[in-house]
Amino acid sequence: MTDAHPTGAQPGLLSAADVRGLVARQKSALLAEEARKRKAAEEELKHQKEMFLHRTVTPDFVAHLTTRIGNAAANGEMQLFLGRFPSAWCTDGGRAINAREKDWPATLQGFARDFYDFWERELKPRGFQMEVAIVDFPSGMPGDIGATLSWKEGDRA
């Protein structure tokens, strides 16, 4: 704020230039905060992807999954939503899953691939089915991929 004011002006009364300066500083602060939040979100997504790519199916995970299946069954459910991850984490951006191509599992990476292999080896022979699909399409493009485990009789993945 300027100390000088036109002749006859009230002391402390802001000029239009002062107000424009306040607005400009506020906009600048908001832009800086948005940039900080965007960078933090990008860093978090990068961290999540890194964790996803290096995570494996462990005995603790299997125990947790078994509990989740038991809880779902106790509630009368015939399926369990396993989770979701960005389609960008597939080698083809989710294209093969979206097109329901036979070789879609080859596009999986990290934990998704490890879980798929676990399902093939351990759960499928026990009658569990798994459905994998694109669950949203932001701006018309494949977004997240979701996986559901089912124990419905006669269900086929």
Protein backbone atom coordinates (compact mmCIF):
# COMPACT_ATOMS: atom_id res chain seq x y z
CA MET A 1 0.00 0.00 0.00
CA THR A 2 1.31 3.44 -0.82
CA ASP A 3 1.57 6.06 1.88
CA ALA A 4 1.00 8.88 -0.57
CA HIS A 5 -2.58 9.80 -1.33
CA PRO A 6 -4.09 12.46 -3.52
CA THR A 7 -4.89 15.83 -2.04
CA GLY A 8 -8.06 15.65 0.03
CA ALA A 9 -8.10 11.80 0.09
CA GLN A 10 -8.78 9.99 3.31
CA PRO A 11 -5.69 8.46 4.95
CA GLY A 12 -5.77 4.64 4.72
CA LEU A 13 -8.11 4.57 1.73
CA LEU A 14 -6.73 2.21 -0.90
CA SER A 15 -6.20 3.22 -4.47
CA ALA A 16 -7.33 1.10 -7.40
CA ALA A 17 -3.66 0.30 -8.03
CA ASP A 18 -3.34 -0.94 -4.43
CA VAL A 19 -6.37 -3.21 -4.89
CA ARG A 20 -5.05 -4.52 -8.21
CA GLY A 21 -1.77 -5.31 -6.44
CA LEU A 22 -3.63 -7.23 -3.70
CA VAL A 23 -5.56 -9.22 -6.31
CA ALA A 24 -2.38 -9.98 -8.26
CA ARG A 25 -0.60 -11.19 -5.11
CA GLN A 26 -3.58 -13.36 -4.16
CA LYS A 27 -3.76 -14.90 -7.66
CA SER A 28 -0.03 -15.52 -7.57
CA ALA A 29 -0.30 -17.22 -4.17
CA LEU A 30 -3.19 -19.41 -5.41
CA LEU A 31 -1.26 -20.43 -8.52
CA ALA A 32 1.79 -21.28 -6.43
CA GLU A 33 -0.36 -23.41 -4.08
CA GLU A 34 -1.98 -25.21 -7.03
CA ALA A 35 1.45 -25.92 -8.50
CA ARG A 36 2.66 -27.25 -5.14
CA LYS A 37 -0.39 -29.54 -4.83
CA ARG A 38 -0.01 -30.75 -8.42
CA LYS A 39 3.68 -31.57 -7.84
CA ALA A 40 2.84 -33.39 -4.59
CA ALA A 41 0.13 -35.41 -6.38
CA GLU A 42 2.56 -36.30 -9.19
CA GLU A 43 5.16 -37.42 -6.65
CA GLU A 44 2.55 -39.52 -4.80
CA LEU A 45 1.42 -41.19 -8.03
CA LYS A 46 5.05 -41.89 -8.94
CA HIS A 47 5.58 -43.47 -5.51
CA GLN A 48 2.39 -45.54 -5.82
CA LYS A 49 3.45 -46.81 -9.25
CA GLU A 50 6.89 -47.73 -7.95
CA MET A 51 5.32 -49.63 -5.05
CA PHE A 52 2.83 -51.31 -7.42
CA LEU A 53 5.57 -52.42 -9.81
CA HIS A 54 7.65 -53.98 -7.02
CA ARG A 55 4.93 -55.41 -4.77
CA THR A 56 4.30 -59.15 -4.77
CA VAL A 57 1.69 -61.55 -3.43
CA THR A 58 2.89 -62.48 0.05
CA PRO A 59 1.53 -64.87 2.68
CA ASP A 60 0.22 -61.83 4.59
CA PHE A 61 -1.59 -60.65 1.46
CA VAL A 62 -3.10 -64.12 0.96
CA ALA A 63 -4.26 -64.16 4.60
CA HIS A 64 -5.83 -60.71 4.16
CA LEU A 65 -7.51 -61.78 0.91
CA THR A 66 -8.87 -64.92 2.58
CA THR A 67 -10.37 -62.77 5.35
CA ARG A 68 -11.93 -60.40 2.80
CA ILE A 69 -13.44 -63.33 0.87
CA GLY A 70 -14.80 -64.82 4.10
CA ASN A 71 -16.33 -61.48 5.14
CA ALA A 72 -17.93 -61.00 1.72
CA ALA A 73 -19.36 -64.54 1.78
CA ALA A 74 -20.67 -64.03 5.34
CA ASN A 75 -22.54 -60.98 3.99
CA GLY A 76 -24.10 -63.08 1.23
CA GLU A 77 -21.88 -61.66 -1.52
CA MET A 78 -20.85 -63.78 -4.48
CA GLN A 79 -17.97 -61.55 -5.55
CA LEU A 80 -15.32 -59.26 -4.17
CA PHE A 81 -13.94 -56.12 -5.78
CA LEU A 82 -10.18 -56.53 -5.46
CA GLY A 83 -9.10 -53.03 -6.39
CA ARG A 84 -8.11 -50.74 -9.22
CA PHE A 85 -5.03 -49.23 -10.79
CA PRO A 86 -4.33 -46.83 -13.67
CA SER A 87 -4.50 -48.39 -17.13
CA ALA A 88 -1.28 -46.49 -17.89
CA TRP A 89 0.48 -49.06 -15.70
CA CYS A 90 -0.18 -51.75 -18.34
CA THR A 91 2.35 -52.05 -21.12
CA ASP A 92 -0.29 -51.00 -23.68
CA GLY A 93 -2.22 -48.48 -21.59
CA GLY A 94 -5.11 -50.92 -21.09
CA ARG A 95 -5.91 -51.37 -24.79
CA ALA A 96 -5.89 -55.21 -24.74
CA ILE A 97 -8.07 -55.34 -21.62
CA ASN A 98 -10.51 -52.86 -23.13
CA ALA A 99 -10.65 -54.87 -26.38
CA ARG A 100 -10.95 -58.12 -24.38
CA GLU A 101 -8.08 -59.65 -26.31
CA LYS A 102 -7.11 -63.18 -25.35
CA ASP A 103 -3.52 -62.23 -24.46
CA TRP A 104 -4.42 -59.26 -22.22
CA PRO A 105 -2.61 -60.76 -19.18
CA ALA A 106 0.70 -60.25 -21.00
CA THR A 107 0.18 -56.48 -20.66
CA LEU A 108 0.04 -56.60 -16.85
CA GLN A 109 3.01 -55.45 -14.81
CA GLY A 110 4.10 -55.58 -11.20
CA PHE A 111 1.55 -56.56 -8.60
CA ALA A 112 -1.24 -56.96 -11.18
CA ARG A 113 0.81 -59.56 -13.04
CA ASP A 114 1.87 -61.29 -9.83
CA PHE A 115 -1.74 -61.45 -8.63
CA TYR A 116 -2.93 -62.74 -12.01
CA ASP A 117 -0.32 -65.52 -11.85
CA PHE A 118 -1.41 -66.30 -8.26
CA TRP A 119 -5.04 -66.47 -9.41
CA GLU A 120 -4.12 -68.81 -12.31
CA ARG A 121 -2.05 -71.06 -10.06
CA GLU A 122 -4.05 -71.06 -6.82
CA LEU A 123 -7.53 -69.58 -7.13
CA LYS A 124 -8.73 -70.60 -10.59
CA PRO A 125 -8.27 -74.34 -9.86
CA ARG A 126 -10.40 -73.78 -6.73
CA GLY A 127 -13.28 -72.45 -8.84
CA PHE A 128 -12.69 -68.72 -8.46
CA GLN A 129 -13.23 -66.52 -11.49
CA MET A 130 -11.68 -63.13 -12.07
CA GLU A 131 -13.04 -60.29 -14.18
CA VAL A 132 -10.69 -57.50 -15.22
CA ALA A 133 -12.07 -54.45 -17.04
CA ILE A 134 -11.65 -50.74 -17.59
CA VAL A 135 -13.86 -49.13 -14.93
CA ASP A 136 -13.84 -45.51 -16.12
CA PHE A 137 -13.14 -43.51 -19.25
CA PRO A 138 -12.04 -39.96 -18.41
CA SER A 139 -12.19 -37.80 -21.54
CA GLY A 140 -13.15 -40.93 -23.49
CA MET A 141 -9.83 -42.66 -22.80
CA PRO A 142 -9.28 -45.82 -20.69
CA GLY A 143 -8.85 -44.79 -17.07
CA ASP A 144 -8.52 -47.22 -14.19
CA ILE A 145 -8.60 -50.99 -14.45
CA GLY A 146 -10.61 -52.85 -11.84
CA ALA A 147 -10.49 -56.51 -10.86
CA THR A 148 -13.28 -58.54 -9.29
CA LEU A 149 -13.01 -62.05 -7.86
CA SER A 150 -16.14 -64.21 -8.10
CA TRP A 151 -17.22 -67.57 -6.70
CA LYS A 152 -20.56 -67.79 -8.48
CA GLU A 153 -21.31 -71.29 -9.72
CA GLY A 154 -21.07 -71.50 -13.49
CA ASP A 155 -19.37 -68.08 -13.68
CA ARG A 156 -16.72 -67.81 -16.37
CA ALA A 157 -13.97 -65.18 -16.68
